[in-house]
Amino acid sequence: MLSKYNIEDFELNDQIVKKSFDEVNRTIALKSNIKDVCALLDMKSNIDDVNKALSELHGSMELKLAKTDYQEAL
């Protein structure tokens, strides 16, 4: 025989559903928006940019070391 819902059962079920919806809302809020991810990926440096920056840094360091060696030689 099936028992009927009473007010306590209904309230308990209501609380469970509310908690489930809250959990789903928190999960959705934490997920990344695909447009934001694409924008971030478009902004990231590519290999050529990184290699160029490293090459410029290396050249600056060589120039600085050469200048320091020259000053020490005097």
N, C-alpha and C. Protein backbone atom coordinates (compact mmCIF):
# COMPACT_ATOMS: atom_id res chain seq x y z
N MET A 1 0.82 -1.17 0.00
CA MET A 1 0.00 0.00 0.00
C MET A 1 0.87 1.25 0.00
N LEU A 2 0.56 2.18 -0.84
CA LEU A 2 1.32 3.42 -0.94
C LEU A 2 0.89 4.40 0.15
N SER A 3 1.89 5.00 0.78
CA SER A 3 1.55 5.98 1.81
C SER A 3 1.46 7.36 1.17
N LYS A 4 0.66 8.20 1.74
CA LYS A 4 0.48 9.55 1.21
C LYS A 4 1.55 10.47 1.77
N TYR A 5 1.86 11.46 0.96
CA TYR A 5 2.79 12.49 1.42
C TYR A 5 2.13 13.31 2.51
N ASN A 6 2.87 13.55 3.56
CA ASN A 6 2.39 14.50 4.55
C ASN A 6 3.25 15.77 4.43
N ILE A 7 2.99 16.76 5.22
CA ILE A 7 3.66 18.04 5.09
C ILE A 7 5.16 17.92 5.38
N GLU A 8 5.56 17.05 6.29
CA GLU A 8 6.98 16.86 6.60
C GLU A 8 7.72 16.27 5.41
N ASP A 9 7.10 15.30 4.76
CA ASP A 9 7.71 14.70 3.57
C ASP A 9 7.88 15.74 2.47
N PHE A 10 6.85 16.56 2.31
CA PHE A 10 6.89 17.59 1.28
C PHE A 10 8.00 18.60 1.57
N GLU A 11 8.13 19.03 2.82
CA GLU A 11 9.15 19.99 3.21
C GLU A 11 10.55 19.39 3.06
N LEU A 12 10.71 18.15 3.42
CA LEU A 12 12.00 17.48 3.25
C LEU A 12 12.38 17.39 1.78
N ASN A 13 11.41 17.00 0.96
CA ASN A 13 11.66 16.92 -0.48
C ASN A 13 12.00 18.31 -1.04
N ASP A 14 11.33 19.33 -0.55
CA ASP A 14 11.58 20.70 -0.98
C ASP A 14 13.01 21.12 -0.63
N GLN A 15 13.46 20.78 0.56
CA GLN A 15 14.83 21.10 0.98
C GLN A 15 15.86 20.38 0.12
N ILE A 16 15.61 19.14 -0.19
CA ILE A 16 16.53 18.37 -1.03
C ILE A 16 16.63 18.98 -2.42
N VAL A 17 15.50 19.36 -2.99
CA VAL A 17 15.49 19.96 -4.32
C VAL A 17 16.22 21.30 -4.30
N LYS A 18 15.97 22.12 -3.27
CA LYS A 18 16.66 23.41 -3.15
C LYS A 18 18.17 23.23 -3.06
N LYS A 19 18.62 22.27 -2.24
CA LYS A 19 20.05 22.00 -2.11
C LYS A 19 20.64 21.56 -3.44
N SER A 20 19.90 20.73 -4.16
CA SER A 20 20.38 20.26 -5.47
C SER A 20 20.52 21.42 -6.45
N PHE A 21 19.53 22.30 -6.49
CA PHE A 21 19.62 23.47 -7.36
C PHE A 21 20.76 24.39 -6.97
N ASP A 22 20.96 24.58 -5.67
CA ASP A 22 22.08 25.42 -5.21
C ASP A 22 23.42 24.83 -5.65
N GLU A 23 23.54 23.52 -5.53
CA GLU A 23 24.78 22.86 -5.94
C GLU A 23 25.01 23.01 -7.45
N VAL A 24 23.96 22.85 -8.23
CA VAL A 24 24.07 23.03 -9.68
C VAL A 24 24.46 24.46 -10.00
N ASN A 25 23.86 25.44 -9.34
CA ASN A 25 24.21 26.84 -9.57
C ASN A 25 25.66 27.13 -9.23
N ARG A 26 26.17 26.57 -8.11
CA ARG A 26 27.58 26.76 -7.75
C ARG A 26 28.49 26.13 -8.80
N THR A 27 28.15 24.96 -9.28
CA THR A 27 28.96 24.29 -10.29
C THR A 27 29.00 25.08 -11.58
N ILE A 28 27.86 25.58 -12.00
CA ILE A 28 27.79 26.37 -13.23
C ILE A 28 28.59 27.66 -13.08
N ALA A 29 28.53 28.28 -11.93
CA ALA A 29 29.26 29.53 -11.69
C ALA A 29 30.76 29.33 -11.79
N LEU A 30 31.24 28.13 -11.45
CA LEU A 30 32.68 27.86 -11.48
C LEU A 30 33.20 27.50 -12.87
N LYS A 31 32.32 27.11 -13.76
CA LYS A 31 32.76 26.70 -15.09
C LYS A 31 33.13 27.92 -15.92
N SER A 32 34.14 27.77 -16.77
CA SER A 32 34.61 28.86 -17.62
C SER A 32 33.65 29.09 -18.77
N ASN A 33 33.52 30.34 -19.12
CA ASN A 33 32.74 30.72 -20.28
C ASN A 33 33.61 30.49 -21.52
N ILE A 34 33.09 29.85 -22.53
CA ILE A 34 33.88 29.51 -23.72
C ILE A 34 34.42 30.76 -24.41
N LYS A 35 33.67 31.86 -24.40
CA LYS A 35 34.15 33.10 -25.01
C LYS A 35 35.36 33.64 -24.26
N ASP A 36 35.35 33.56 -22.92
CA ASP A 36 36.48 34.01 -22.12
C ASP A 36 37.71 33.16 -22.39
N VAL A 37 37.53 31.86 -22.48
CA VAL A 37 38.64 30.96 -22.75
C VAL A 37 39.25 31.24 -24.13
N CYS A 38 38.41 31.44 -25.12
CA CYS A 38 38.90 31.74 -26.47
C CYS A 38 39.67 33.07 -26.49
N ALA A 39 39.16 34.06 -25.77
CA ALA A 39 39.84 35.36 -25.70
C ALA A 39 41.22 35.21 -25.05
N LEU A 40 41.30 34.43 -23.99
CA LEU A 40 42.59 34.20 -23.33
C LEU A 40 43.56 33.46 -24.25
N LEU A 41 43.06 32.48 -24.97
CA LEU A 41 43.94 31.74 -25.88
C LEU A 41 44.43 32.63 -27.03
N ASP A 42 43.59 33.54 -27.49
CA ASP A 42 44.01 34.45 -28.55
C ASP A 42 45.10 35.41 -28.07
N MET A 43 45.10 35.73 -26.77
CA MET A 43 46.08 36.68 -26.24
C MET A 43 47.41 36.04 -25.88
N LYS A 44 47.48 34.74 -25.79
CA LYS A 44 48.72 34.12 -25.34
C LYS A 44 49.81 34.25 -26.39
N SER A 45 51.03 34.26 -25.94
CA SER A 45 52.18 34.40 -26.83
C SER A 45 52.38 33.14 -27.63
N ASN A 46 52.83 33.32 -28.86
CA ASN A 46 53.17 32.15 -29.65
C ASN A 46 54.68 31.91 -29.55
N ILE A 47 55.16 30.84 -30.11
CA ILE A 47 56.57 30.46 -30.00
C ILE A 47 57.48 31.52 -30.61
N ASP A 48 57.09 32.09 -31.74
CA ASP A 48 57.92 33.11 -32.38
C ASP A 48 58.08 34.34 -31.50
N ASP A 49 57.00 34.77 -30.83
CA ASP A 49 57.08 35.92 -29.93
C ASP A 49 58.02 35.64 -28.76
N VAL A 50 57.93 34.46 -28.19
CA VAL A 50 58.78 34.10 -27.06
C VAL A 50 60.24 34.01 -27.51
N ASN A 51 60.49 33.38 -28.64
CA ASN A 51 61.86 33.27 -29.15
C ASN A 51 62.46 34.63 -29.45
N LYS A 52 61.66 35.54 -30.00
CA LYS A 52 62.14 36.90 -30.30
C LYS A 52 62.50 37.62 -29.01
N ALA A 53 61.65 37.51 -28.00
CA ALA A 53 61.92 38.17 -26.71
C ALA A 53 63.18 37.61 -26.06
N LEU A 54 63.35 36.30 -26.11
CA LEU A 54 64.55 35.68 -25.54
C LEU A 54 65.80 36.10 -26.29
N SER A 55 65.70 36.19 -27.59
CA SER A 55 66.83 36.62 -28.41
C SER A 55 67.23 38.07 -28.08
N GLU A 56 66.23 38.93 -27.94
CA GLU A 56 66.52 40.32 -27.57
C GLU A 56 67.15 40.41 -26.19
N LEU A 57 66.68 39.62 -25.26
CA LEU A 57 67.23 39.60 -23.92
C LEU A 57 68.68 39.10 -23.95
N HIS A 58 68.91 38.05 -24.71
CA HIS A 58 70.25 37.49 -24.83
C HIS A 58 71.20 38.54 -25.43
N GLY A 59 70.75 39.26 -26.47
CA GLY A 59 71.58 40.30 -27.08
C GLY A 59 71.87 41.42 -26.10
N SER A 60 70.90 41.82 -25.32
CA SER A 60 71.11 42.88 -24.32
C SER A 60 72.10 42.44 -23.26
N MET A 61 72.02 41.17 -22.85
CA MET A 61 72.95 40.67 -21.85
C MET A 61 74.37 40.61 -22.40
N GLU A 62 74.52 40.19 -23.65
CA GLU A 62 75.85 40.15 -24.26
C GLU A 62 76.45 41.55 -24.34
N LEU A 63 75.64 42.53 -24.72
CA LEU A 63 76.10 43.91 -24.81
C LEU A 63 76.51 44.42 -23.44
N LYS A 64 75.72 44.13 -22.42
CA LYS A 64 76.02 44.56 -21.06
C LYS A 64 77.31 43.91 -20.57
N LEU A 65 77.49 42.62 -20.84
CA LEU A 65 78.71 41.93 -20.42
C LEU A 65 79.93 42.48 -21.15
N ALA A 66 79.76 42.77 -22.44
CA ALA A 66 80.88 43.34 -23.20
C ALA A 66 81.26 44.70 -22.64
N LYS A 67 80.30 45.51 -22.29
CA LYS A 67 80.56 46.83 -21.73
C LYS A 67 81.26 46.70 -20.38
N THR A 68 80.82 45.77 -19.56
CA THR A 68 81.44 45.54 -18.26
C THR A 68 82.89 45.07 -18.42
N ASP A 69 83.14 44.14 -19.35
CA ASP A 69 84.50 43.67 -19.63
C ASP A 69 85.38 44.82 -20.09
N TYR A 70 84.85 45.69 -20.91
CA TYR A 70 85.61 46.82 -21.43
C TYR A 70 85.99 47.78 -20.28
N GLN A 71 85.04 48.06 -19.39
CA GLN A 71 85.30 48.96 -18.27
C GLN A 71 86.30 48.36 -17.30
N GLU A 72 86.26 47.05 -17.11
CA GLU A 72 87.21 46.39 -16.22
C GLU A 72 88.60 46.38 -16.83
N ALA A 73 88.68 46.36 -18.15
CA ALA A 73 89.97 46.33 -18.82
C ALA A 73 90.67 47.67 -18.72
N LEU A 74 89.92 48.74 -18.54
CA LEU A 74 90.52 50.06 -18.45
C LEU A 74 91.13 50.22 -17.12
